[in-house]
Amino acid sequence: YNEEMIGEVLANNYLYEIDEEINLDDIVIGKEEKNYASIYDEQILKREEDADYKLIDLKNFGVNGYLVAVYDPSKIKLGLTTQLGIVGERVQTIAQNNDALVAINASGFEDPNENGNGGRPLGTVIKDGKIIWQGRSTGWGGGLIGFNKDNKLVLTKESASSAIANGMRDAVDFGPFLIINGKAAYTKGNGGSGEHPRTVIAQRQDGIVLFMIIDGNGNKVGYRGGANYIKMIEILQKYKAYNAANLDGGASSTMSVEGKLWNRPSAGAEYGGRTVSNAWIVTNTQGKAVQAPKK
């Protein structure tokens, strides 16, 4: 392909993030509607009273994937590999080390020739209100993705020190931001990133947090499948995501439920997936989990 052809393809496939600061006043934790506006609302809101999370199969959207609704965002923390900067750990190992109910991979990591061991994160990592890692930029847009002390999902392009001053407790650096204040990023063509396995984190206006993972169609590096940004935004909007961000995907996309590998990563599934630097985890407080009703 010559430069003109490449330029034409790029010009017809891209994503523009919403250029707004996130309005955290719009998020009212615990203010759940009693009436179901759609089957998707019912899937999220119909649960046992003391359930910590609910697992929903996304096959009806034509993808191989899962969405987990987490009802109490205060239980969401950032879990780390025990050898940060040296070697990563599989998502289910991070979950088991932290007695987590659910976990998904979070930030990217240095990955030369797709042979990185997950030890060195890309971008900044904040844990318990402190900067614990500063790496090179991800180059994927977005910015800091994390939770503040009020347990609200914060998506911001401000510096780590400024974010901490404004209450950020746990965060990673990745992107792009898919939905801001209920407004979806503008996409043209396939959104500029093609189809890949994906990992997403989002929050509804009632404070419920959504973990979403979409698998590819293969079990080796390089054979991707999965979903593009347009498909992810479509699913997120059905489940009323108000703020949402893309996390590391590809062969790293991994979900652990009750300490077990739940999805099928596009590489290393037989070993539990790739080793990663960190994961978003739901801490275990002896709650209950329930499955989604069948359509």
Protein backbone atom coordinates (compact mmCIF):
# COMPACT_ATOMS: atom_id res chain seq x y z
CA TYR A 1 0.00 0.00 0.00
CA ASN A 2 1.26 3.45 -0.82
CA GLU A 3 0.90 6.43 1.53
CA GLU A 4 -2.13 7.77 -0.34
CA MET A 5 -4.04 4.49 0.12
CA ILE A 6 -3.10 4.28 3.78
CA GLY A 7 -4.19 7.88 4.31
CA GLU A 8 -7.54 7.17 2.66
CA VAL A 9 -8.19 4.17 4.93
CA LEU A 10 -7.26 6.14 8.05
CA ALA A 11 -9.46 9.06 6.99
CA ASN A 12 -12.48 6.77 6.81
CA ASN A 13 -11.94 4.87 10.07
CA TYR A 14 -11.45 6.83 13.28
CA LEU A 15 -12.83 7.70 16.72
CA TYR A 16 -13.13 11.14 18.31
CA GLU A 17 -13.57 11.22 22.07
CA ILE A 18 -16.12 13.55 23.64
CA ASP A 19 -14.27 16.71 24.63
CA GLU A 20 -15.89 17.26 28.02
CA GLU A 21 -14.87 16.97 31.63
CA ILE A 22 -16.73 14.21 33.39
CA ASN A 23 -19.61 15.44 35.55
CA LEU A 24 -19.50 13.30 38.70
CA ASP A 25 -22.59 15.00 40.13
CA ASP A 26 -24.58 13.04 37.54
CA ILE A 27 -23.62 9.78 39.27
CA VAL A 28 -25.86 9.06 42.28
CA ILE A 29 -24.77 5.76 43.81
CA GLY A 30 -27.67 3.61 44.97
CA LYS A 31 -30.37 5.52 43.11
CA GLU A 32 -31.74 2.58 41.15
CA GLU A 33 -35.02 2.69 39.24
CA LYS A 34 -37.75 0.34 40.41
CA ASN A 35 -39.27 -0.08 36.96
CA TYR A 36 -37.46 -1.84 34.12
CA ALA A 37 -37.29 0.29 31.01
CA SER A 38 -36.02 -2.62 28.91
CA ILE A 39 -34.85 -6.22 29.06
CA TYR A 40 -31.37 -4.82 29.60
CA ASP A 41 -32.50 -2.89 32.66
CA GLU A 42 -34.13 -6.06 33.95
CA GLN A 43 -30.93 -8.01 33.45
CA ILE A 44 -29.01 -5.46 35.49
CA LEU A 45 -31.50 -4.57 38.20
CA LYS A 46 -33.36 -7.84 38.89
CA ARG A 47 -31.29 -9.59 41.53
CA GLU A 48 -31.20 -10.95 45.03
CA GLU A 49 -31.01 -8.13 47.54
CA ASP A 50 -27.55 -9.02 48.85
CA ALA A 51 -25.96 -9.97 45.52
CA ASP A 52 -22.52 -8.44 44.98
CA TYR A 53 -22.56 -8.93 41.22
CA LYS A 54 -24.48 -10.43 38.32
CA LEU A 55 -23.04 -12.19 35.29
CA ILE A 56 -24.70 -11.62 31.91
CA ASP A 57 -23.93 -13.51 28.69
CA LEU A 58 -23.68 -11.24 25.64
CA LYS A 59 -24.29 -13.85 22.94
CA ASN A 60 -27.54 -12.11 21.93
CA PHE A 61 -25.40 -9.25 20.59
CA GLY A 62 -23.62 -11.62 18.21
CA VAL A 63 -20.39 -11.64 20.23
CA ASN A 64 -18.68 -14.10 22.53
CA GLY A 65 -18.50 -12.14 25.73
CA TYR A 66 -19.77 -11.34 29.18
CA LEU A 67 -20.88 -8.35 31.18
CA VAL A 68 -20.70 -8.24 34.97
CA ALA A 69 -22.81 -5.72 36.89
CA VAL A 70 -21.11 -4.76 40.17
CA TYR A 71 -23.63 -3.26 42.57
CA ASP A 72 -21.36 -1.68 45.18
CA PRO A 73 -18.51 0.30 43.56
CA SER A 74 -16.75 0.64 46.94
CA LYS A 75 -15.79 -3.03 46.55
CA ILE A 76 -13.85 -2.34 43.33
CA LYS A 77 -10.11 -2.02 43.82
CA LEU A 78 -7.00 -2.19 41.67
CA GLY A 79 -5.15 -5.48 42.12
CA LEU A 80 -1.47 -5.73 41.21
CA THR A 81 1.05 -8.35 40.26
CA THR A 82 3.15 -9.18 43.30
CA GLN A 83 6.32 -8.40 41.30
CA LEU A 84 5.43 -5.06 39.72
CA GLY A 85 8.17 -3.93 37.34
CA ILE A 86 9.58 -7.46 37.06
CA VAL A 87 6.94 -9.94 35.92
CA GLY A 88 3.17 -9.96 35.64
CA GLU A 89 0.61 -12.47 36.84
CA ARG A 90 -2.50 -13.93 35.29
CA VAL A 91 -5.76 -12.18 36.10
CA GLN A 92 -7.13 -15.14 38.05
CA THR A 93 -3.91 -15.26 40.09
CA ILE A 94 -4.32 -11.59 41.01
CA ALA A 95 -7.94 -12.37 41.87
CA GLN A 96 -7.00 -15.34 44.04
CA ASN A 97 -4.26 -13.37 45.80
CA ASN A 98 -6.84 -10.72 46.72
CA ASP A 99 -9.78 -13.06 47.45
CA ALA A 100 -11.68 -11.34 44.65
CA LEU A 101 -15.08 -12.39 43.35
CA VAL A 102 -14.55 -10.99 39.86
CA ALA A 103 -11.56 -9.52 38.04
CA ILE A 104 -10.73 -8.14 34.60
CA ASN A 105 -7.41 -7.02 33.14
CA ALA A 106 -6.76 -3.29 33.34
CA SER A 107 -3.83 -1.34 31.87
CA GLY A 108 -1.48 -2.22 29.06
CA PHE A 109 2.14 -3.16 29.58
CA GLU A 110 5.42 -3.04 27.70
CA ASP A 111 5.12 -5.80 25.12
CA PRO A 112 7.97 -5.91 22.59
CA ASN A 113 7.10 -8.30 19.74
CA GLU A 114 4.11 -9.48 21.80
CA ASN A 115 6.48 -11.29 24.12
CA GLY A 116 6.28 -9.02 27.17
CA ASN A 117 5.79 -10.69 30.55
CA GLY A 118 3.36 -8.07 31.88
CA GLY A 119 5.68 -6.75 34.55
CA ARG A 120 6.04 -3.13 33.41
CA PRO A 121 2.76 -1.19 32.97
CA LEU A 122 2.22 1.41 30.28
CA GLY A 123 1.43 4.87 31.60
CA THR A 124 0.70 5.80 35.20
CA VAL A 125 -0.67 3.54 37.91
CA ILE A 126 -2.28 4.96 41.06
CA LYS A 127 -3.02 2.78 44.08
CA ASP A 128 -4.59 3.97 47.34
CA GLY A 129 -4.09 7.61 46.35
CA LYS A 130 -0.39 7.24 45.54
CA ILE A 131 1.53 7.04 42.27
CA ILE A 132 3.19 3.64 42.25
CA TRP A 133 4.30 3.52 38.61
CA GLN A 134 5.05 6.00 35.84
CA GLY A 135 5.71 4.49 32.43
CA ARG A 136 5.66 5.67 28.85
CA SER A 137 2.40 6.82 27.25
CA THR A 138 0.04 4.21 25.88
CA GLY A 139 -0.63 6.12 22.65
CA TRP A 140 -4.27 4.98 22.67
CA GLY A 141 -5.93 8.23 23.64
CA GLY A 142 -7.95 8.30 26.81
CA GLY A 143 -6.03 9.05 29.98
CA LEU A 144 -6.46 8.08 33.62
CA ILE A 145 -9.25 5.58 34.27
CA GLY A 146 -10.11 4.91 37.89
CA PHE A 147 -12.20 5.44 41.00
CA ASN A 148 -12.19 8.34 43.40
CA LYS A 149 -12.78 8.26 47.14
CA ASP A 150 -16.52 8.58 46.49
CA ASN A 151 -16.34 5.35 44.43
CA LYS A 152 -17.23 7.08 41.19
CA LEU A 153 -15.55 6.14 37.92
CA VAL A 154 -13.31 9.02 36.83
CA LEU A 155 -12.07 9.41 33.25
CA THR A 156 -9.66 12.31 33.03
CA LYS A 157 -6.76 13.69 31.02
CA GLU A 158 -5.34 15.64 33.96
CA SER A 159 -1.99 14.78 35.51
CA ALA A 160 -1.72 12.01 38.10
CA SER A 161 -0.84 14.48 40.85
CA SER A 162 -3.84 16.65 39.99
CA ALA A 163 -6.14 13.61 39.86
CA ILE A 164 -4.96 12.50 43.30
CA ALA A 165 -5.50 16.01 44.66
CA ASN A 166 -9.07 15.76 43.33
CA GLY A 167 -9.67 12.47 45.15
CA MET A 168 -8.49 9.69 42.82
CA ARG A 169 -7.74 6.53 44.81
CA ASP A 170 -7.02 3.84 42.18
CA ALA A 171 -6.35 4.39 38.48
CA VAL A 172 -4.58 3.15 35.36
CA ASP A 173 -3.67 4.87 32.12
CA PHE A 174 -5.43 3.68 28.96
CA GLY A 175 -8.18 4.47 26.47
CA PRO A 176 -9.85 5.67 24.43
CA PHE A 177 -12.78 7.01 26.41
CA LEU A 178 -15.91 5.59 24.77
CA ILE A 179 -18.71 7.40 26.61
CA ILE A 180 -18.53 10.64 28.61
CA ASN A 181 -21.56 12.05 30.46
CA GLY A 182 -23.83 9.74 28.50
CA LYS A 183 -22.46 10.89 25.14
CA ALA A 184 -20.79 8.34 22.89
CA ALA A 185 -17.52 9.05 21.12
CA TYR A 186 -17.95 9.88 17.45
CA THR A 187 -16.92 7.00 15.24
CA LYS A 188 -16.52 6.66 11.50
CA GLY A 189 -16.04 3.39 9.71
CA ASN A 190 -14.89 0.75 12.19
CA GLY A 191 -13.68 3.36 14.68
CA GLY A 192 -10.07 3.08 13.59
CA SER A 193 -9.03 0.02 15.58
CA GLY A 194 -10.66 -2.89 13.80
CA GLU A 195 -12.04 -5.97 15.54
CA HIS A 196 -10.18 -7.35 18.54
CA PRO A 197 -10.86 -8.99 21.88
CA ARG A 198 -11.88 -6.17 24.22
CA THR A 199 -12.05 -5.25 27.89
CA VAL A 200 -14.16 -2.30 29.06
CA ILE A 201 -15.07 -0.66 32.36
CA ALA A 202 -18.12 1.60 32.73
CA GLN A 203 -20.49 3.10 35.28
CA ARG A 204 -24.20 3.84 35.12
CA GLN A 205 -25.82 6.91 36.62
CA ASP A 206 -27.09 4.79 39.53
CA GLY A 207 -23.49 3.91 40.37
CA ILE A 208 -23.59 0.31 39.15
CA VAL A 209 -20.25 -0.56 37.53
CA LEU A 210 -20.04 -2.67 34.38
CA PHE A 211 -17.13 -4.98 33.55
CA MET A 212 -17.35 -6.10 29.92
CA ILE A 213 -15.18 -8.57 28.06
CA ILE A 214 -15.46 -9.72 24.44
CA ASP A 215 -13.50 -12.67 23.13
CA GLY A 216 -11.93 -13.21 19.74
CA ASN A 217 -12.41 -16.32 17.68
CA GLY A 218 -9.04 -17.97 18.02
CA ASN A 219 -6.61 -19.30 20.59
CA LYS A 220 -3.31 -18.01 19.28
CA VAL A 221 -1.65 -14.61 19.12
CA GLY A 222 -2.46 -12.80 15.88
CA TYR A 223 -5.86 -14.36 15.27
CA ARG A 224 -8.14 -11.78 16.81
CA GLY A 225 -11.81 -11.47 15.96
CA GLY A 226 -13.87 -9.81 18.71
CA ALA A 227 -15.53 -6.40 18.34
CA ASN A 228 -14.82 -2.88 17.16
CA TYR A 229 -15.52 0.31 19.10
CA ILE A 230 -18.92 0.75 17.45
CA LYS A 231 -20.17 -2.64 18.67
CA MET A 232 -18.84 -1.99 22.19
CA ILE A 233 -20.58 1.38 22.40
CA GLU A 234 -23.82 -0.19 21.13
CA ILE A 235 -23.77 -2.79 23.92
CA LEU A 236 -22.78 -0.26 26.58
CA GLN A 237 -25.60 2.08 25.62
CA LYS A 238 -28.15 -0.74 25.88
CA TYR A 239 -27.03 -1.24 29.49
CA LYS A 240 -27.11 2.53 30.18
CA ALA A 241 -23.40 3.10 30.64
CA TYR A 242 -22.95 6.80 31.45
CA ASN A 243 -19.14 6.83 31.46
CA ALA A 244 -17.06 4.13 29.81
CA ALA A 245 -13.47 3.49 28.78
CA ASN A 246 -11.59 0.92 26.77
CA LEU A 247 -8.96 -1.09 28.68
CA ASP A 248 -6.17 -3.26 27.31
CA GLY A 249 -7.47 -5.81 24.84
CA GLY A 250 -6.20 -8.40 22.40
CA ALA A 251 -4.63 -11.45 23.97
CA SER A 252 -4.69 -9.72 27.38
CA SER A 253 -8.50 -9.60 27.61
CA THR A 254 -9.28 -11.86 30.55
CA MET A 255 -12.10 -12.26 33.05
CA SER A 256 -11.91 -14.24 36.29
CA VAL A 257 -15.06 -15.22 38.19
CA GLU A 258 -14.79 -16.80 41.63
CA GLY A 259 -11.06 -17.33 41.03
CA LYS A 260 -11.49 -19.20 37.73
CA LEU A 261 -10.80 -18.18 34.15
CA TRP A 262 -14.23 -17.38 32.72
CA ASN A 263 -13.63 -16.31 29.12
CA ARG A 264 -11.35 -17.75 26.45
CA PRO A 265 -8.41 -15.41 25.76
CA SER A 266 -7.13 -15.34 22.19
CA ALA A 267 -3.75 -16.60 23.40
CA GLY A 268 -2.70 -18.85 26.24
CA ALA A 269 -6.22 -19.88 27.27
CA GLU A 270 -4.93 -23.32 28.22
CA TYR A 271 -2.56 -21.64 30.66
CA GLY A 272 -5.04 -19.10 32.00
CA GLY A 273 -4.26 -16.26 29.59
CA ARG A 274 -1.38 -13.79 29.48
CA THR A 275 0.38 -12.38 32.49
CA VAL A 276 -0.54 -8.74 33.16
CA SER A 277 0.47 -5.89 35.45
CA ASN A 278 -2.84 -5.17 37.11
CA ALA A 279 -6.55 -5.94 37.21
CA TRP A 280 -9.78 -4.37 38.38
CA ILE A 281 -11.11 -6.63 41.11
CA VAL A 282 -14.32 -6.94 43.15
CA THR A 283 -13.37 -7.66 46.73
CA ASN A 284 -15.11 -10.54 48.48
CA THR A 285 -17.39 -9.68 51.39
CA GLN A 286 -19.29 -12.98 51.44
CA GLY A 287 -22.01 -11.68 49.15
CA LYS A 288 -23.97 -13.61 46.55
CA ALA A 289 -23.85 -13.82 42.79
CA VAL A 290 -26.79 -14.48 40.47
CA GLN A 291 -27.08 -15.29 36.79
CA ALA A 292 -29.04 -13.19 34.31
CA PRO A 293 -32.56 -14.33 33.35
CA LYS A 294 -32.72 -16.12 30.03
CA LYS A 295 -34.32 -14.29 27.12
